[in-house]
Amino acid sequence: MRAIVDAGHELVSHCYAQDVIPAQLSPEQVRADIEKTTKALEAASGVRPRGWISPRGTPSPESARLLVEANYAWQGDVFDDDRPYLQIFDQGAAAGTGSGGIVAIPLTMEINDLPHAMRFGRSPVQGPPLSRER
């Protein structure tokens, strides 16, 4: 991971495991997954991730606010527009949590890896041959 970051690529969080579905978790579980994922990626890469995209685009209703709380700059889990926009959260201002903004980038097939994994009839397990170690 450090070589990827050192080459100038941005590291993006994607939950701790692919089978984590934030939409099915409590806010406390989502917060814990964000913290665990962030710490693991930072430890492995040497940089703190700034962006987040949930597996299969399945955020919880609280994900964006919790990402603001965790100091993320952007998230790619929205489907309600064609262009990026700023989400503002003021609800947590009194408690000192969840207040502020995050850039919301619509999740589209242009930035999703599913079409590449499924190209030419491959299953997700088979994946593209370029992703395998040689």
N, C-alpha and C. Protein backbone atom coordinates (compact mmCIF):
# COMPACT_ATOMS: atom_id res chain seq x y z
N MET A 1 0.80 -1.19 0.00
CA MET A 1 0.00 0.00 0.00
C MET A 1 0.85 1.26 0.00
N ARG A 2 1.93 1.21 0.73
CA ARG A 2 2.79 2.41 0.76
C ARG A 2 3.32 2.76 -0.63
N ALA A 3 3.65 1.76 -1.42
CA ALA A 3 4.14 2.01 -2.77
C ALA A 3 3.06 2.66 -3.63
N ILE A 4 1.83 2.24 -3.44
CA ILE A 4 0.72 2.82 -4.20
C ILE A 4 0.54 4.29 -3.83
N VAL A 5 0.55 4.58 -2.53
CA VAL A 5 0.41 5.95 -2.06
C VAL A 5 1.62 6.78 -2.50
N ASP A 6 2.81 6.21 -2.37
CA ASP A 6 4.02 6.92 -2.76
C ASP A 6 4.04 7.24 -4.26
N ALA A 7 3.33 6.44 -5.05
CA ALA A 7 3.25 6.69 -6.49
C ALA A 7 2.23 7.77 -6.84
N GLY A 8 1.56 8.32 -5.81
CA GLY A 8 0.65 9.43 -6.03
C GLY A 8 -0.82 9.09 -6.08
N HIS A 9 -1.16 7.84 -5.80
CA HIS A 9 -2.56 7.44 -5.83
C HIS A 9 -3.23 7.75 -4.49
N GLU A 10 -4.50 8.08 -4.55
CA GLU A 10 -5.26 8.33 -3.31
C GLU A 10 -5.80 7.02 -2.77
N LEU A 11 -5.66 6.84 -1.49
CA LEU A 11 -6.19 5.68 -0.80
C LEU A 11 -7.62 5.96 -0.37
N VAL A 12 -8.54 5.06 -0.69
CA VAL A 12 -9.95 5.24 -0.37
C VAL A 12 -10.42 4.10 0.53
N SER A 13 -11.10 4.44 1.60
CA SER A 13 -11.65 3.43 2.50
C SER A 13 -12.88 2.79 1.89
N HIS A 14 -13.10 1.51 2.28
CA HIS A 14 -14.19 0.73 1.67
C HIS A 14 -14.79 -0.25 2.66
N CYS A 15 -14.81 0.07 3.93
CA CYS A 15 -15.21 -0.81 5.03
C CYS A 15 -14.11 -1.82 5.32
N TYR A 16 -14.18 -2.43 6.50
CA TYR A 16 -13.11 -3.33 6.91
C TYR A 16 -13.13 -4.63 6.11
N ALA A 17 -14.31 -5.05 5.67
CA ALA A 17 -14.42 -6.26 4.87
C ALA A 17 -15.51 -6.06 3.83
N GLN A 18 -15.40 -6.75 2.73
CA GLN A 18 -16.36 -6.59 1.64
C GLN A 18 -17.77 -7.02 2.04
N ASP A 19 -17.89 -7.89 3.01
CA ASP A 19 -19.22 -8.34 3.41
C ASP A 19 -19.88 -7.45 4.47
N VAL A 20 -19.23 -6.35 4.84
CA VAL A 20 -19.83 -5.39 5.75
C VAL A 20 -20.85 -4.57 4.95
N ILE A 21 -22.07 -4.52 5.43
CA ILE A 21 -23.12 -3.75 4.77
C ILE A 21 -23.60 -2.69 5.75
N PRO A 22 -23.07 -1.47 5.66
CA PRO A 22 -23.42 -0.43 6.63
C PRO A 22 -24.92 -0.19 6.79
N ALA A 23 -25.69 -0.37 5.72
CA ALA A 23 -27.14 -0.15 5.79
C ALA A 23 -27.82 -1.09 6.78
N GLN A 24 -27.15 -2.19 7.14
CA GLN A 24 -27.72 -3.16 8.07
C GLN A 24 -27.14 -3.03 9.48
N LEU A 25 -26.31 -2.02 9.70
CA LEU A 25 -25.65 -1.86 11.00
C LEU A 25 -26.26 -0.71 11.79
N SER A 26 -26.09 -0.77 13.09
CA SER A 26 -26.49 0.35 13.95
C SER A 26 -25.48 1.48 13.76
N PRO A 27 -25.85 2.71 14.13
CA PRO A 27 -24.88 3.81 14.04
C PRO A 27 -23.58 3.51 14.80
N GLU A 28 -23.68 2.85 15.95
CA GLU A 28 -22.47 2.52 16.72
C GLU A 28 -21.58 1.54 15.97
N GLN A 29 -22.21 0.57 15.29
CA GLN A 29 -21.43 -0.39 14.50
C GLN A 29 -20.80 0.27 13.29
N VAL A 30 -21.50 1.20 12.65
CA VAL A 30 -20.94 1.93 11.51
C VAL A 30 -19.74 2.75 11.97
N ARG A 31 -19.90 3.45 13.09
CA ARG A 31 -18.80 4.26 13.64
C ARG A 31 -17.58 3.37 13.93
N ALA A 32 -17.82 2.21 14.54
CA ALA A 32 -16.72 1.30 14.87
C ALA A 32 -16.03 0.79 13.60
N ASP A 33 -16.81 0.50 12.56
CA ASP A 33 -16.21 0.03 11.31
C ASP A 33 -15.37 1.14 10.65
N ILE A 34 -15.87 2.36 10.67
CA ILE A 34 -15.11 3.49 10.13
C ILE A 34 -13.79 3.64 10.88
N GLU A 35 -13.84 3.57 12.20
CA GLU A 35 -12.62 3.71 13.00
C GLU A 35 -11.64 2.58 12.73
N LYS A 36 -12.12 1.35 12.72
CA LYS A 36 -11.26 0.17 12.50
C LYS A 36 -10.63 0.22 11.10
N THR A 37 -11.44 0.54 10.11
CA THR A 37 -10.95 0.61 8.73
C THR A 37 -9.91 1.71 8.57
N THR A 38 -10.21 2.87 9.11
CA THR A 38 -9.31 4.02 9.01
C THR A 38 -7.96 3.72 9.65
N LYS A 39 -7.99 3.16 10.85
CA LYS A 39 -6.74 2.82 11.55
C LYS A 39 -5.93 1.79 10.79
N ALA A 40 -6.59 0.77 10.25
CA ALA A 40 -5.87 -0.28 9.52
C ALA A 40 -5.22 0.27 8.25
N LEU A 41 -5.95 1.08 7.51
CA LEU A 41 -5.39 1.63 6.27
C LEU A 41 -4.26 2.62 6.56
N GLU A 42 -4.43 3.41 7.59
CA GLU A 42 -3.38 4.36 7.96
C GLU A 42 -2.12 3.62 8.41
N ALA A 43 -2.28 2.56 9.17
CA ALA A 43 -1.13 1.78 9.62
C ALA A 43 -0.42 1.11 8.45
N ALA A 44 -1.18 0.62 7.50
CA ALA A 44 -0.58 -0.09 6.36
C ALA A 44 0.03 0.83 5.32
N SER A 45 -0.52 2.05 5.19
CA SER A 45 -0.08 2.93 4.10
C SER A 45 0.75 4.11 4.57
N GLY A 46 0.62 4.47 5.83
CA GLY A 46 1.33 5.65 6.32
C GLY A 46 0.56 6.95 6.13
N VAL A 47 -0.62 6.88 5.51
CA VAL A 47 -1.45 8.08 5.34
C VAL A 47 -2.88 7.76 5.77
N ARG A 48 -3.53 8.79 6.25
CA ARG A 48 -4.94 8.64 6.64
C ARG A 48 -5.80 8.81 5.39
N PRO A 49 -6.71 7.87 5.13
CA PRO A 49 -7.58 8.02 3.96
C PRO A 49 -8.50 9.23 4.11
N ARG A 50 -8.81 9.88 2.99
CA ARG A 50 -9.68 11.06 2.99
C ARG A 50 -11.04 10.78 2.38
N GLY A 51 -11.15 9.65 1.65
CA GLY A 51 -12.39 9.33 0.97
C GLY A 51 -12.93 7.96 1.36
N TRP A 52 -14.22 7.76 1.14
CA TRP A 52 -14.90 6.53 1.54
C TRP A 52 -15.94 6.15 0.51
N ILE A 53 -15.99 4.88 0.14
CA ILE A 53 -17.07 4.33 -0.68
C ILE A 53 -17.46 3.00 -0.03
N SER A 54 -18.71 2.87 0.38
CA SER A 54 -19.17 1.64 1.03
C SER A 54 -19.27 0.50 0.03
N PRO A 55 -19.05 -0.74 0.48
CA PRO A 55 -19.22 -1.87 -0.43
C PRO A 55 -20.61 -1.86 -1.06
N ARG A 56 -20.64 -2.02 -2.35
CA ARG A 56 -21.89 -2.05 -3.13
C ARG A 56 -22.73 -0.80 -2.96
N GLY A 57 -22.14 0.29 -2.51
CA GLY A 57 -22.90 1.52 -2.33
C GLY A 57 -24.03 1.37 -1.34
N THR A 58 -23.74 0.78 -0.19
CA THR A 58 -24.77 0.48 0.82
C THR A 58 -24.54 1.25 2.12
N PRO A 59 -24.51 2.57 2.08
CA PRO A 59 -24.29 3.31 3.33
C PRO A 59 -25.49 3.19 4.26
N SER A 60 -25.25 3.43 5.54
CA SER A 60 -26.36 3.54 6.48
C SER A 60 -26.90 4.97 6.38
N PRO A 61 -28.07 5.22 6.92
CA PRO A 61 -28.57 6.60 6.93
C PRO A 61 -27.64 7.55 7.68
N GLU A 62 -26.80 7.03 8.56
CA GLU A 62 -25.90 7.85 9.37
C GLU A 62 -24.46 7.89 8.83
N SER A 63 -24.15 7.15 7.79
CA SER A 63 -22.77 7.03 7.33
C SER A 63 -22.11 8.37 7.04
N ALA A 64 -22.76 9.23 6.25
CA ALA A 64 -22.13 10.51 5.88
C ALA A 64 -21.83 11.35 7.11
N ARG A 65 -22.77 11.45 8.04
CA ARG A 65 -22.54 12.23 9.26
C ARG A 65 -21.39 11.64 10.07
N LEU A 66 -21.33 10.31 10.15
CA LEU A 66 -20.25 9.67 10.90
C LEU A 66 -18.91 9.84 10.20
N LEU A 67 -18.90 9.92 8.89
CA LEU A 67 -17.66 10.19 8.16
C LEU A 67 -17.19 11.62 8.40
N VAL A 68 -18.12 12.56 8.51
CA VAL A 68 -17.75 13.93 8.89
C VAL A 68 -17.10 13.92 10.26
N GLU A 69 -17.72 13.20 11.17
CA GLU A 69 -17.20 13.09 12.54
C GLU A 69 -15.78 12.52 12.54
N ALA A 70 -15.50 11.60 11.60
CA ALA A 70 -14.17 10.97 11.49
C ALA A 70 -13.22 11.76 10.60
N ASN A 71 -13.61 12.96 10.23
CA ASN A 71 -12.77 13.88 9.44
C ASN A 71 -12.48 13.41 8.01
N TYR A 72 -13.41 12.71 7.41
CA TYR A 72 -13.28 12.37 5.99
C TYR A 72 -13.65 13.59 5.15
N ALA A 73 -13.00 13.76 4.02
CA ALA A 73 -13.24 14.90 3.14
C ALA A 73 -14.34 14.62 2.11
N TRP A 74 -14.46 13.36 1.71
CA TRP A 74 -15.46 13.02 0.69
C TRP A 74 -15.96 11.60 0.86
N GLN A 75 -17.15 11.34 0.31
CA GLN A 75 -17.72 10.00 0.32
C GLN A 75 -18.44 9.80 -1.02
N GLY A 76 -18.43 8.57 -1.50
CA GLY A 76 -19.00 8.26 -2.80
C GLY A 76 -20.19 7.33 -2.71
N ASP A 77 -21.09 7.59 -1.80
CA ASP A 77 -22.23 6.71 -1.57
C ASP A 77 -23.57 7.34 -1.90
N VAL A 78 -23.60 8.38 -2.70
CA VAL A 78 -24.88 9.03 -3.01
C VAL A 78 -25.35 8.66 -4.42
N PHE A 79 -26.65 8.68 -4.59
CA PHE A 79 -27.26 8.33 -5.87
C PHE A 79 -28.28 9.39 -6.31
N ASP A 80 -28.30 10.53 -5.64
CA ASP A 80 -29.37 11.51 -5.86
C ASP A 80 -29.00 12.68 -6.77
N ASP A 81 -27.86 12.60 -7.43
CA ASP A 81 -27.46 13.67 -8.34
C ASP A 81 -26.43 13.11 -9.31
N ASP A 82 -26.16 13.84 -10.37
CA ASP A 82 -25.14 13.45 -11.33
C ASP A 82 -23.82 14.14 -11.07
N ARG A 83 -23.84 15.15 -10.21
CA ARG A 83 -22.64 15.94 -9.94
C ARG A 83 -22.31 15.91 -8.46
N PRO A 84 -21.03 16.04 -8.12
CA PRO A 84 -20.66 16.13 -6.70
C PRO A 84 -21.29 17.37 -6.06
N TYR A 85 -21.54 17.29 -4.77
CA TYR A 85 -22.09 18.41 -4.03
C TYR A 85 -21.64 18.31 -2.57
N LEU A 86 -21.87 19.35 -1.81
CA LEU A 86 -21.48 19.40 -0.41
C LEU A 86 -22.67 19.06 0.48
N GLN A 87 -22.49 18.06 1.34
CA GLN A 87 -23.50 17.73 2.35
C GLN A 87 -23.10 18.44 3.63
N ILE A 88 -24.04 19.14 4.24
CA ILE A 88 -23.78 19.88 5.48
C ILE A 88 -24.57 19.24 6.62
N PHE A 89 -23.90 19.05 7.74
CA PHE A 89 -24.53 18.47 8.92
C PHE A 89 -24.35 19.42 10.10
N ASP A 90 -25.47 19.91 10.62
CA ASP A 90 -25.43 20.81 11.77
C ASP A 90 -26.01 20.18 13.02
N GLN A 91 -26.64 19.01 12.88
CA GLN A 91 -27.35 18.39 13.98
C GLN A 91 -26.48 18.12 15.20
N GLY A 92 -25.21 17.82 15.01
CA GLY A 92 -24.36 17.45 16.13
C GLY A 92 -23.56 18.59 16.72
N ALA A 93 -23.84 19.81 16.29
CA ALA A 93 -23.02 20.94 16.73
C ALA A 93 -22.99 21.10 18.24
N ALA A 94 -24.13 20.95 18.90
CA ALA A 94 -24.17 21.13 20.35
C ALA A 94 -23.36 20.07 21.07
N ALA A 95 -23.34 18.86 20.52
CA ALA A 95 -22.61 17.76 21.16
C ALA A 95 -21.15 17.72 20.71
N GLY A 96 -20.81 18.51 19.69
CA GLY A 96 -19.45 18.52 19.18
C GLY A 96 -19.14 17.37 18.25
N THR A 97 -20.17 16.70 17.73
CA THR A 97 -19.96 15.59 16.81
C THR A 97 -20.87 15.72 15.61
N GLY A 98 -20.43 15.21 14.49
CA GLY A 98 -21.27 15.14 13.31
C GLY A 98 -21.61 16.48 12.71
N SER A 99 -20.88 17.51 13.02
CA SER A 99 -21.15 18.84 12.50
C SER A 99 -20.10 19.20 11.46
N GLY A 100 -20.55 19.72 10.34
CA GLY A 100 -19.62 20.10 9.29
C GLY A 100 -20.10 19.60 7.95
N GLY A 101 -19.19 19.50 7.01
CA GLY A 101 -19.57 19.11 5.67
C GLY A 101 -18.66 18.05 5.09
N ILE A 102 -19.17 17.40 4.05
CA ILE A 102 -18.42 16.39 3.34
C ILE A 102 -18.84 16.46 1.88
N VAL A 103 -17.89 16.31 0.98
CA VAL A 103 -18.22 16.28 -0.44
C VAL A 103 -18.84 14.93 -0.76
N ALA A 104 -20.00 14.96 -1.41
CA ALA A 104 -20.72 13.76 -1.81
C ALA A 104 -20.51 13.56 -3.31
N ILE A 105 -19.91 12.44 -3.67
CA ILE A 105 -19.64 12.12 -5.08
C ILE A 105 -20.56 10.98 -5.48
N PRO A 106 -21.44 11.20 -6.46
CA PRO A 106 -22.36 10.13 -6.87
C PRO A 106 -21.62 8.87 -7.30
N LEU A 107 -22.13 7.73 -6.85
CA LEU A 107 -21.57 6.44 -7.23
C LEU A 107 -22.15 6.06 -8.59
N THR A 108 -21.29 5.93 -9.57
CA THR A 108 -21.71 5.56 -10.92
C THR A 108 -20.87 4.39 -11.39
N MET A 109 -21.29 3.75 -12.44
CA MET A 109 -20.54 2.62 -12.98
C MET A 109 -19.18 3.04 -13.53
N GLU A 110 -19.01 4.32 -13.83
CA GLU A 110 -17.72 4.80 -14.33
C GLU A 110 -16.63 4.70 -13.27
N ILE A 111 -17.01 4.75 -11.99
CA ILE A 111 -16.01 4.67 -10.93
C ILE A 111 -16.14 3.39 -10.11
N ASN A 112 -17.00 2.49 -10.54
CA ASN A 112 -17.21 1.24 -9.82
C ASN A 112 -16.36 0.16 -10.47
N ASP A 113 -15.82 -0.74 -9.68
CA ASP A 113 -14.98 -1.81 -10.23
C ASP A 113 -15.77 -3.02 -10.71
N LEU A 114 -17.08 -3.05 -10.45
CA LEU A 114 -17.88 -4.20 -10.86
C LEU A 114 -17.83 -4.47 -12.36
N PRO A 115 -17.98 -3.46 -13.24
CA PRO A 115 -17.93 -3.77 -14.68
C PRO A 115 -16.61 -4.41 -15.11
N HIS A 116 -15.52 -4.01 -14.48
CA HIS A 116 -14.22 -4.58 -14.83
C HIS A 116 -14.12 -6.03 -14.36
N ALA A 117 -14.68 -6.30 -13.19
CA ALA A 117 -14.63 -7.66 -12.66
C ALA A 117 -15.54 -8.60 -13.44
N MET A 118 -16.63 -8.08 -13.97
CA MET A 118 -17.62 -8.92 -14.64
C MET A 118 -17.43 -8.97 -16.17
N ARG A 119 -16.47 -8.24 -16.69
CA ARG A 119 -16.27 -8.17 -18.13
C ARG A 119 -16.04 -9.56 -18.72
N PHE A 120 -16.57 -9.76 -19.87
CA PHE A 120 -16.40 -11.00 -20.64
C PHE A 120 -16.94 -12.22 -19.90
N GLY A 121 -17.97 -12.03 -19.07
CA GLY A 121 -18.62 -13.16 -18.42
C GLY A 121 -17.90 -13.71 -17.20
N ARG A 122 -16.88 -13.01 -16.70
CA ARG A 122 -16.17 -13.49 -15.51
C ARG A 122 -17.01 -13.29 -14.27
N SER A 123 -16.89 -14.19 -13.34
CA SER A 123 -17.54 -14.01 -12.05
C SER A 123 -16.66 -13.09 -11.21
N PRO A 124 -17.20 -12.50 -10.13
CA PRO A 124 -16.35 -11.66 -9.27
C PRO A 124 -15.14 -12.42 -8.71
N VAL A 125 -15.27 -13.73 -8.50
CA VAL A 125 -14.15 -14.51 -7.98
C VAL A 125 -13.03 -14.59 -9.01
N GLN A 126 -13.39 -14.74 -10.27
CA GLN A 126 -12.38 -14.83 -11.32
C GLN A 126 -11.68 -13.50 -11.54
N GLY A 127 -12.43 -12.41 -11.51
CA GLY A 127 -11.86 -11.08 -11.66
C GLY A 127 -11.04 -10.90 -12.91
N PRO A 128 -10.58 -9.68 -13.13
CA PRO A 128 -9.75 -9.45 -14.31
C PRO A 128 -8.36 -10.07 -14.12
N PRO A 129 -7.76 -10.62 -15.17
CA PRO A 129 -6.45 -11.25 -15.01
C PRO A 129 -5.36 -10.29 -14.57
N LEU A 130 -5.51 -9.00 -14.81
CA LEU A 130 -4.47 -8.05 -14.42
C LEU A 130 -4.38 -7.87 -12.91
N SER A 131 -5.43 -8.26 -12.18
CA SER A 131 -5.42 -8.05 -10.73
C SER A 131 -4.72 -9.18 -9.98
N ARG A 132 -4.37 -10.21 -10.65
CA ARG A 132 -3.73 -11.35 -9.98
C ARG A 132 -2.21 -11.18 -9.93
N GLU A 133 -1.65 -11.70 -8.88
CA GLU A 133 -0.18 -11.71 -8.79
C GLU A 133 0.39 -12.62 -9.85
N ARG A 134 1.52 -12.24 -10.35
CA ARG A 134 2.16 -13.05 -11.40
C ARG A 134 3.33 -13.80 -10.82
